[in-house]
Amino acid sequence: MDIASFSSLLTPSGQAILAEAAGSDLSDDALLTTASRLRERHPADLVAAALTQVRLRDRARAKFGADAARMYFTPAGLEQATRASVAAYRARRFAAFTESAAFTESATLTESATLTQAGSTLELGCGIGGDLIARARAGVPGTGVELDPLTAAVARANVEAFGLGRLASVREGDATREDPDGYGTVFADPGRRTARGRVFDPRSYEPPLDTVLELAGRAAGACVKVAPGIPHEVVPDGAEAEWVSVGGEVKEAALWLGELAGSVRRRATLITERGQGGAEVNVETLTPEPGLGDPAVREWGRYLYEPDGAVIRASLVAEVAARVNGGLADPRIAYVTSDELVQTPFAAAYEVEDVLGFSLKRLKAELRRREVGVLTVKKRGSAVDVDRLRRDLGFARKAPRGAKELTLVLTRVGTAPIALLTRPAGHRTLNQSQ
């Protein structure tokens, strides 16, 4: 899809083709037939653009819920776009800042107000506009800058699709040449994917992280989206690093700078989506506890706690151990064990039925003796190939062999490989206040 065909898609005739494509069968088996039928009455390039958008919208529902049906995407833009629930959560932090006493007067919009004033946000690399839209919905005006002309056009169309043109605008430009002067805050989302795949070295971001941090540092407050695997030593002095997970899966990390940074250096934020498309969310945050040392090293207890990935990334396992009155069986592996069952949103709890030295023969016999039909395998600190182990244990086929379920946890203590036979101890308890 090029910018000409996308522009045509925004015309009345293009919208009619888009609506027709949305109502057609676009499954893999029927796609060719549907495309041929549409090309009999419409230009081929416009049909291709419409089919691309409909299929991208279908994929985007996982990130944007019902909003995806009226948004526009590029494949790369959708890949890097922030999940809607995460963007909305982050937008609230920007909104709270712009509503603070420092910006109360300057951030008040009038009919003649421009977007380049102290209460607005400059976004460097706005992509398809997901974060820009979330902030505008939260009442934070902003300008998005995007280098790629097609992606900029898509972001502009998304702003208009939500009727947010008075609060948000998009322009083509090189983020590295932008001047944050006149803006209260900066948000940056440097590219972390190339034609060869994901980029993990912050120096290889586009633009490089050092360049982005220098630009962002010129504003009173800033937030820079980074990969979850960012090394702690890369986090600038005075910044707050936040790791975010949704439904137990780490989605991203962000560096909060200047007056947008909190009073802590590390934070793990857990978002649980509820309702269709994550229309409602619950947010839980864990931060370092002052004076808390390393967790105690102890024998396996009755319960095993698996900290959320964001908690592990933020190096807050000790905080979880303290909450459940537990410790670590191995000081280098983030499995917490305790004799108490304590409800916490920051870790999944499993009741330990047995602790075995790893032996394929013994495991196979034990699972057969227990009449296990459904086996879940987790591992940390283990080099075992899980897929091969499942085959060797006789659990390769999809159909369960019996009604009993068990979670096999593979780990080690020191150099000794360990297998724990466990069952989930209950559901995570979430604080309903936000």
Protein backbone atom coordinates (compact mmCIF):
# COMPACT_ATOMS: atom_id res chain seq x y z
CA MET A 1 0.00 0.00 0.00
CA ASP A 2 1.42 3.38 -1.03
CA ILE A 3 0.35 6.83 0.05
CA ALA A 4 -1.65 7.43 -3.15
CA SER A 5 -3.82 4.34 -2.69
CA PHE A 6 -4.24 5.11 1.01
CA SER A 7 -5.37 8.64 0.21
CA SER A 8 -7.88 7.21 -2.26
CA LEU A 9 -9.15 4.92 0.46
CA LEU A 10 -10.19 7.99 2.48
CA THR A 11 -12.48 9.29 -0.29
CA PRO A 12 -16.21 8.45 -0.30
CA SER A 13 -15.72 5.82 -3.01
CA GLY A 14 -12.77 4.36 -1.12
CA GLN A 15 -14.82 4.18 2.07
CA ALA A 16 -17.56 2.33 0.19
CA ILE A 17 -15.05 -0.26 -1.05
CA LEU A 18 -13.63 -0.55 2.48
CA ALA A 19 -17.09 -1.22 3.88
CA GLU A 20 -17.77 -3.83 1.19
CA ALA A 21 -14.45 -5.53 1.88
CA ALA A 22 -15.20 -5.57 5.60
CA GLY A 23 -18.40 -7.48 4.92
CA SER A 24 -16.73 -10.07 2.70
CA ASP A 25 -15.14 -13.41 3.47
CA LEU A 26 -11.43 -12.73 3.95
CA SER A 27 -10.37 -16.12 5.23
CA ASP A 28 -7.27 -17.57 3.63
CA ASP A 29 -9.34 -19.95 1.50
CA ALA A 30 -11.72 -17.23 0.24
CA LEU A 31 -9.39 -14.21 0.00
CA LEU A 32 -8.41 -14.72 -3.64
CA THR A 33 -12.03 -15.14 -4.71
CA THR A 34 -13.12 -12.06 -2.78
CA ALA A 35 -10.30 -9.96 -4.24
CA SER A 36 -11.15 -11.07 -7.79
CA ARG A 37 -14.82 -10.23 -7.28
CA LEU A 38 -14.04 -6.74 -5.97
CA ARG A 39 -11.55 -6.04 -8.79
CA GLU A 40 -14.29 -6.64 -11.33
CA ARG A 41 -15.93 -3.38 -10.20
CA HIS A 42 -13.15 -1.37 -8.55
CA PRO A 43 -9.53 -0.35 -9.27
CA ALA A 44 -7.07 -3.07 -8.28
CA ASP A 45 -4.86 -0.80 -6.16
CA LEU A 46 -7.84 0.46 -4.19
CA VAL A 47 -9.12 -3.08 -3.63
CA ALA A 48 -5.68 -4.13 -2.39
CA ALA A 49 -5.56 -1.17 0.02
CA ALA A 50 -9.04 -1.95 1.34
CA LEU A 51 -8.30 -5.64 1.85
CA THR A 52 -5.05 -4.77 3.61
CA GLN A 53 -6.83 -2.43 6.01
CA VAL A 54 -9.60 -4.90 6.83
CA ARG A 55 -7.12 -7.66 7.62
CA LEU A 56 -4.96 -5.28 9.68
CA ARG A 57 -8.04 -4.12 11.58
CA ASP A 58 -8.86 -7.71 12.39
CA ARG A 59 -5.34 -8.23 13.82
CA ALA A 60 -5.51 -4.90 15.64
CA ARG A 61 -8.52 -5.89 17.75
CA ALA A 62 -6.15 -7.60 20.18
CA LYS A 63 -4.49 -4.23 20.87
CA PHE A 64 -7.28 -1.72 20.27
CA GLY A 65 -10.52 -3.59 20.89
CA ALA A 66 -13.60 -2.08 19.21
CA ASP A 67 -11.64 1.05 18.21
CA ALA A 68 -9.74 -1.00 15.63
CA ALA A 69 -12.81 -1.04 13.37
CA ARG A 70 -12.44 2.67 12.55
CA MET A 71 -8.66 2.97 12.64
CA TYR A 72 -6.05 2.69 9.88
CA PHE A 73 -2.77 0.81 10.04
CA THR A 74 0.43 -0.16 8.33
CA PRO A 75 1.89 -3.59 9.16
CA ALA A 76 4.97 -2.08 10.83
CA GLY A 77 2.90 0.60 12.55
CA LEU A 78 0.57 -1.98 14.08
CA GLU A 79 3.52 -4.08 15.22
CA GLN A 80 5.08 -1.22 17.19
CA ALA A 81 1.87 0.51 18.31
CA THR A 82 1.21 0.66 22.04
CA ARG A 83 -1.65 -1.47 23.29
CA ALA A 84 -4.67 0.78 23.96
CA SER A 85 -4.92 -0.05 27.67
CA VAL A 86 -1.23 0.76 28.17
CA ALA A 87 -1.48 3.99 26.18
CA ALA A 88 -4.52 5.07 28.21
CA TYR A 89 -2.74 4.32 31.48
CA ARG A 90 0.30 6.31 30.37
CA ALA A 91 -1.87 9.16 29.11
CA ARG A 92 -3.25 9.59 32.62
CA ARG A 93 0.25 10.30 33.90
CA PHE A 94 0.66 13.01 31.26
CA ALA A 95 -2.77 14.42 32.06
CA ALA A 96 -2.01 14.61 35.78
CA PHE A 97 1.18 16.50 35.00
CA THR A 98 -0.39 18.99 32.61
CA GLU A 99 -3.16 19.65 35.12
CA SER A 100 -0.66 20.41 37.87
CA ALA A 101 -0.25 23.91 39.23
CA ALA A 102 2.74 24.60 36.99
CA PHE A 103 0.64 24.29 33.87
CA THR A 104 -2.89 25.13 34.98
CA GLU A 105 -2.92 28.52 33.30
CA SER A 106 -0.84 27.83 30.19
CA ALA A 107 -2.51 24.51 29.38
CA THR A 108 -6.03 25.95 29.13
CA LEU A 109 -7.14 25.74 25.50
CA THR A 110 -9.08 28.52 23.83
CA GLU A 111 -10.59 28.65 20.35
CA SER A 112 -7.47 30.35 19.02
CA ALA A 113 -4.94 28.32 21.01
CA THR A 114 -2.16 26.54 19.15
CA LEU A 115 -0.85 23.16 20.06
CA THR A 116 2.70 24.42 20.71
CA GLN A 117 2.25 25.67 24.23
CA ALA A 118 3.50 24.63 27.65
CA GLY A 119 0.67 22.20 28.38
CA SER A 120 1.07 20.13 25.22
CA THR A 121 3.22 17.16 24.26
CA LEU A 122 5.64 16.76 21.37
CA GLU A 123 5.73 13.14 20.24
CA LEU A 124 8.86 12.05 18.40
CA GLY A 125 8.02 9.14 16.10
CA CYS A 126 4.25 8.96 16.58
CA GLY A 127 3.74 5.91 14.33
CA ILE A 128 0.05 5.30 13.58
CA GLY A 129 -0.92 7.67 16.42
CA GLY A 130 -2.04 5.33 19.21
CA ASP A 131 -0.36 7.21 22.05
CA LEU A 132 -1.18 10.61 20.53
CA ILE A 133 -4.88 9.67 20.46
CA ALA A 134 -4.82 8.27 24.01
CA ARG A 135 -3.36 11.52 25.36
CA ALA A 136 -5.83 13.63 23.39
CA ARG A 137 -8.69 11.57 24.81
CA ALA A 138 -7.26 12.32 28.26
CA GLY A 139 -7.34 16.03 27.43
CA VAL A 140 -3.64 16.46 26.67
CA PRO A 141 -3.01 18.33 23.39
CA GLY A 142 -0.05 17.31 21.30
CA THR A 143 1.82 17.24 18.02
CA GLY A 144 3.10 14.01 16.52
CA VAL A 145 6.13 13.94 14.23
CA GLU A 146 6.65 10.98 11.91
CA LEU A 147 9.38 10.49 9.31
CA ASP A 148 7.55 8.06 7.00
CA PRO A 149 4.98 9.90 4.81
CA LEU A 150 2.53 6.96 4.65
CA THR A 151 2.65 6.35 8.40
CA ALA A 152 2.15 10.07 9.03
CA ALA A 153 -0.90 10.02 6.75
CA VAL A 154 -2.28 7.01 8.61
CA ALA A 155 -1.78 8.74 11.98
CA ARG A 156 -3.50 11.87 10.66
CA ALA A 157 -6.45 9.78 9.47
CA ASN A 158 -6.71 8.12 12.89
CA VAL A 159 -6.79 11.49 14.66
CA GLU A 160 -9.63 12.57 12.38
CA ALA A 161 -11.45 9.25 12.78
CA PHE A 162 -11.81 9.97 16.50
CA GLY A 163 -12.67 13.66 15.99
CA LEU A 164 -9.58 14.82 17.86
CA GLY A 165 -8.24 17.29 15.31
CA ARG A 166 -8.49 20.20 17.72
CA LEU A 167 -6.31 18.50 20.31
CA ALA A 168 -3.85 16.60 18.14
CA SER A 169 -1.99 17.10 14.90
CA VAL A 170 0.56 15.14 12.87
CA ARG A 171 3.32 16.36 10.60
CA GLU A 172 6.06 14.70 8.60
CA GLY A 173 9.53 15.36 9.91
CA ASP A 174 12.80 14.01 11.24
CA ALA A 175 12.51 13.55 15.00
CA THR A 176 16.22 14.25 15.47
CA ARG A 177 15.75 17.78 14.11
CA GLU A 178 12.82 18.69 16.33
CA ASP A 179 13.10 21.37 19.00
CA PRO A 180 11.04 20.62 22.13
CA ASP A 181 11.17 24.28 23.16
CA GLY A 182 7.62 25.53 23.76
CA TYR A 183 6.28 22.10 24.72
CA GLY A 184 5.72 21.06 28.31
CA THR A 185 6.46 17.38 27.73
CA VAL A 186 7.96 15.00 25.19
CA PHE A 187 6.99 11.43 24.35
CA ALA A 188 9.27 9.37 22.12
CA ASP A 189 8.89 5.92 20.62
CA PRO A 190 12.10 5.14 18.71
CA GLY A 191 12.00 2.31 16.19
CA ARG A 192 13.08 -1.04 17.58
CA ARG A 193 12.57 -3.21 14.51
CA THR A 194 14.45 -3.41 11.23
CA ALA A 195 14.16 -5.65 8.17
CA ARG A 196 16.28 -8.18 10.09
CA GLY A 197 13.94 -8.27 13.09
CA ARG A 198 13.78 -6.78 16.58
CA VAL A 199 16.55 -4.51 17.83
CA PHE A 200 17.73 -5.03 21.41
CA ASP A 201 20.77 -2.74 21.57
CA PRO A 202 19.55 0.78 22.52
CA ARG A 203 22.33 2.23 20.35
CA SER A 204 20.65 0.63 17.33
CA TYR A 205 17.22 2.17 17.92
CA GLU A 206 16.04 4.54 15.19
CA PRO A 207 16.95 7.18 16.34
CA PRO A 208 19.51 5.83 18.85
CA LEU A 209 18.41 6.00 22.47
CA ASP A 210 21.14 8.50 23.44
CA THR A 211 19.88 10.90 20.76
CA VAL A 212 16.28 10.53 21.91
CA LEU A 213 17.21 11.05 25.57
CA GLU A 214 19.10 14.23 24.73
CA LEU A 215 16.08 15.65 22.90
CA ALA A 216 13.62 14.51 25.56
CA GLY A 217 15.79 15.98 28.29
CA ARG A 218 15.15 19.49 26.99
CA ALA A 219 11.52 19.39 28.13
CA ALA A 220 10.27 19.74 31.69
CA GLY A 221 9.10 16.13 31.60
CA ALA A 222 9.39 13.26 29.14
CA CYS A 223 8.66 9.60 28.57
CA VAL A 224 10.64 7.36 26.21
CA LYS A 225 9.29 3.96 25.21
CA VAL A 226 11.98 1.26 25.18
CA ALA A 227 12.29 -2.50 24.81
CA PRO A 228 11.50 -4.55 27.95
CA GLY A 229 14.98 -6.05 27.86
CA ILE A 230 16.72 -2.71 28.36
CA PRO A 231 19.71 -3.13 30.72
CA HIS A 232 19.36 -1.36 34.06
CA GLU A 233 22.73 0.32 33.60
CA VAL A 234 21.40 2.17 30.55
CA VAL A 235 18.73 3.96 32.61
CA PRO A 236 19.89 7.59 33.09
CA ASP A 237 20.46 8.99 36.57
CA GLY A 238 17.30 10.52 37.96
CA ALA A 239 15.03 8.63 35.56
CA GLU A 240 12.30 6.18 36.47
CA ALA A 241 12.21 2.89 34.57
CA GLU A 242 8.80 1.25 34.34
CA TRP A 243 8.05 -2.23 33.05
CA VAL A 244 4.44 -2.93 32.04
CA SER A 245 2.71 -6.28 31.70
CA VAL A 246 -0.81 -6.96 30.46
CA GLY A 247 -2.53 -10.14 31.55
CA GLY A 248 0.76 -11.51 32.88
CA GLU A 249 2.78 -10.84 29.70
CA VAL A 250 5.43 -8.13 29.63
CA LYS A 251 4.55 -5.74 26.81
CA GLU A 252 6.99 -2.85 27.08
CA ALA A 253 9.12 -0.60 29.21
CA ALA A 254 9.36 3.17 29.46
CA LEU A 255 11.80 5.70 30.88
CA TRP A 256 10.20 8.64 32.68
CA LEU A 257 12.37 11.75 32.81
CA GLY A 258 12.40 15.15 34.51
CA GLU A 259 9.25 16.19 36.31
CA LEU A 260 7.34 13.22 34.87
CA ALA A 261 9.61 10.80 36.74
CA GLY A 262 8.31 9.52 40.03
CA SER A 263 10.25 9.36 43.27
CA VAL A 264 11.38 5.77 42.61
CA ARG A 265 13.92 4.46 40.14
CA ARG A 266 12.10 1.24 39.24
CA ARG A 267 8.44 0.32 38.90
CA ALA A 268 6.48 -2.74 37.78
CA THR A 269 2.97 -2.00 36.52
CA LEU A 270 0.46 -4.78 35.96
CA ILE A 271 -2.61 -4.12 33.82
CA THR A 272 -5.55 -6.50 33.79
CA GLU A 273 -8.09 -5.92 31.04
CA ARG A 274 -11.76 -6.60 31.61
CA GLY A 275 -14.73 -6.39 29.31
CA GLN A 276 -14.83 -6.57 25.53
CA GLY A 277 -11.56 -5.43 24.00
CA GLY A 278 -10.20 -4.41 27.39
CA ALA A 279 -12.75 -1.61 27.78
CA GLU A 280 -12.10 -1.66 31.54
CA VAL A 281 -8.73 -2.09 33.16
CA ASN A 282 -7.31 -2.63 36.61
CA VAL A 283 -3.84 -1.30 37.39
CA GLU A 284 -1.47 -2.50 40.10
CA THR A 285 1.98 -1.03 40.72
CA LEU A 286 4.94 -2.38 42.68
CA THR A 287 7.90 -0.20 43.67
CA PRO A 288 11.03 -0.81 45.77
CA GLU A 289 10.60 -0.97 49.54
CA PRO A 290 13.25 1.16 51.29
CA GLY A 291 15.71 -0.83 53.36
CA LEU A 292 14.62 -4.20 52.02
CA GLY A 293 17.59 -6.51 51.47
CA ASP A 294 17.96 -9.61 49.35
CA PRO A 295 15.43 -12.40 49.94
CA ALA A 296 16.39 -15.18 52.32
CA VAL A 297 17.57 -18.46 50.79
CA ARG A 298 15.54 -21.36 52.15
CA GLU A 299 14.24 -24.87 51.52
CA TRP A 300 11.21 -25.42 49.32
CA GLY A 301 7.99 -24.61 51.15
CA ARG A 302 4.40 -25.60 50.59
CA TYR A 303 3.87 -22.91 47.93
CA LEU A 304 5.75 -21.73 44.88
CA TYR A 305 5.27 -18.15 43.67
CA GLU A 306 6.06 -17.19 40.09
CA PRO A 307 6.55 -13.38 39.99
CA ASP A 308 5.06 -11.49 37.07
CA GLY A 309 7.53 -10.81 34.26
CA ALA A 310 7.39 -7.06 34.86
CA VAL A 311 8.30 -7.64 38.51
CA ILE A 312 11.33 -9.69 37.46
CA ARG A 313 12.44 -7.13 34.86
CA ALA A 314 12.19 -4.38 37.46
CA SER A 315 14.27 -6.40 39.95
CA LEU A 316 11.47 -6.41 42.51
CA VAL A 317 11.43 -10.10 43.37
CA ALA A 318 12.54 -9.28 46.92
CA GLU A 319 9.41 -7.17 47.36
CA VAL A 320 7.24 -10.12 46.33
CA ALA A 321 9.13 -12.45 48.67
CA ALA A 322 8.54 -10.04 51.55
CA ARG A 323 4.81 -9.85 50.79
CA VAL A 324 4.37 -13.62 50.91
CA ASN A 325 6.78 -14.17 53.82
CA GLY A 326 8.96 -16.28 51.60
CA GLY A 327 12.43 -16.64 50.17
CA LEU A 328 14.33 -18.15 47.26
CA ALA A 329 15.42 -21.76 46.91
CA ASP A 330 18.22 -20.51 44.69
CA PRO A 331 19.43 -16.90 45.02
CA ARG A 332 19.85 -16.51 41.26
CA ILE A 333 16.45 -17.83 40.15
CA ALA A 334 13.24 -15.81 40.52
CA TYR A 335 11.03 -18.49 42.02
CA VAL A 336 9.77 -17.55 45.49
CA THR A 337 8.78 -20.24 47.97
CA SER A 338 6.78 -19.93 51.18
CA ASP A 339 4.78 -21.97 53.66
CA GLU A 340 1.98 -19.41 53.52
CA LEU A 341 -0.64 -18.79 50.84
CA VAL A 342 -0.81 -15.02 50.45
CA GLN A 343 -2.95 -13.44 47.75
CA THR A 344 -0.99 -11.02 45.60
CA PRO A 345 -1.46 -9.67 42.07
CA PHE A 346 2.31 -9.67 41.55
CA ALA A 347 2.84 -13.44 41.43
CA ALA A 348 0.99 -16.62 40.49
CA ALA A 349 0.83 -19.15 43.35
CA TYR A 350 1.19 -22.92 43.04
CA GLU A 351 0.81 -25.54 45.74
CA VAL A 352 3.81 -27.86 45.75
CA GLU A 353 2.87 -31.53 45.89
CA ASP A 354 6.35 -32.97 45.49
CA VAL A 355 9.96 -31.93 44.89
CA LEU A 356 12.03 -34.36 42.85
CA GLY A 357 15.52 -34.50 41.50
CA PHE A 358 15.13 -34.35 37.73
CA SER A 359 14.89 -37.82 36.21
CA LEU A 360 12.93 -38.54 33.04
CA LYS A 361 12.23 -42.12 34.08
CA ARG A 362 11.03 -41.12 37.55
CA LEU A 363 8.91 -38.25 36.21
CA LYS A 364 7.23 -40.51 33.67
CA ALA A 365 6.41 -43.06 36.33
CA GLU A 366 5.16 -40.44 38.77
CA LEU A 367 2.85 -38.79 36.23
CA ARG A 368 1.45 -42.18 35.28
CA ARG A 369 0.90 -43.07 38.94
CA ARG A 370 -0.97 -39.81 39.52
CA GLU A 371 -3.09 -40.35 36.37
CA VAL A 372 -2.19 -36.91 35.02
CA GLY A 373 -4.01 -36.15 31.77
CA VAL A 374 -3.18 -32.47 31.24
CA LEU A 375 0.38 -31.30 31.88
CA THR A 376 1.58 -27.70 31.92
CA VAL A 377 5.36 -27.26 31.91
CA LYS A 378 7.15 -24.17 33.20
CA LYS A 379 10.85 -23.65 33.56
CA ARG A 380 13.40 -21.16 34.87
CA GLY A 381 17.11 -21.85 35.18
CA SER A 382 16.70 -25.13 33.31
CA ALA A 383 18.20 -26.11 29.97
CA VAL A 384 15.57 -28.78 29.28
CA ASP A 385 13.85 -28.62 25.88
CA VAL A 386 10.18 -28.44 26.92
CA ASP A 387 8.74 -29.71 23.63
CA ARG A 388 11.05 -32.71 23.61
CA LEU A 389 10.31 -33.40 27.28
CA ARG A 390 6.58 -33.41 26.62
CA ARG A 391 7.13 -35.96 23.83
CA ASP A 392 9.35 -38.10 26.04
CA LEU A 393 6.75 -38.01 28.82
CA GLY A 394 3.99 -38.98 26.41
CA PHE A 395 2.17 -35.63 26.36
CA ALA A 396 2.87 -34.61 22.76
CA ARG A 397 -0.62 -35.31 21.48
CA LYS A 398 -3.20 -32.56 21.85
CA ALA A 399 -6.02 -34.67 23.27
CA PRO A 400 -5.75 -34.98 27.07
CA ARG A 401 -5.22 -38.49 28.41
CA GLY A 402 -7.22 -37.97 31.59
CA ALA A 403 -9.02 -35.45 33.75
CA LYS A 404 -6.27 -34.70 36.29
CA GLU A 405 -4.14 -31.62 35.68
CA LEU A 406 -0.66 -30.86 36.95
CA THR A 407 1.92 -28.10 36.50
CA LEU A 408 5.50 -29.33 36.22
CA VAL A 409 8.07 -26.69 37.17
CA LEU A 410 11.66 -27.28 36.06
CA THR A 411 14.39 -25.34 37.81
CA ARG A 412 17.58 -25.90 39.75
CA VAL A 413 19.12 -25.28 43.14
CA GLY A 414 22.79 -24.61 42.68
CA THR A 415 23.80 -27.08 39.96
CA ALA A 416 21.15 -29.68 40.87
CA PRO A 417 18.20 -29.89 38.42
CA ILE A 418 14.86 -29.96 40.22
CA ALA A 419 11.33 -30.92 39.13
CA LEU A 420 8.40 -29.64 41.20
CA LEU A 421 4.96 -31.17 40.84
CA THR A 422 2.45 -28.40 41.55
CA ARG A 423 -1.12 -27.23 41.10
CA PRO A 424 -2.40 -23.65 40.82
CA ALA A 425 -3.24 -22.43 44.32
CA GLY A 426 -5.91 -19.92 43.25
CA HIS A 427 -6.55 -16.84 41.18
CA ARG A 428 -4.70 -13.57 41.54
CA THR A 429 -6.50 -11.07 43.75
CA LEU A 430 -6.68 -7.56 42.31
CA ASN A 431 -7.18 -4.28 44.09
CA GLN A 432 -10.30 -2.79 42.57
CA SER A 433 -9.24 0.81 43.21
CA GLN A 434 -7.13 2.59 40.63
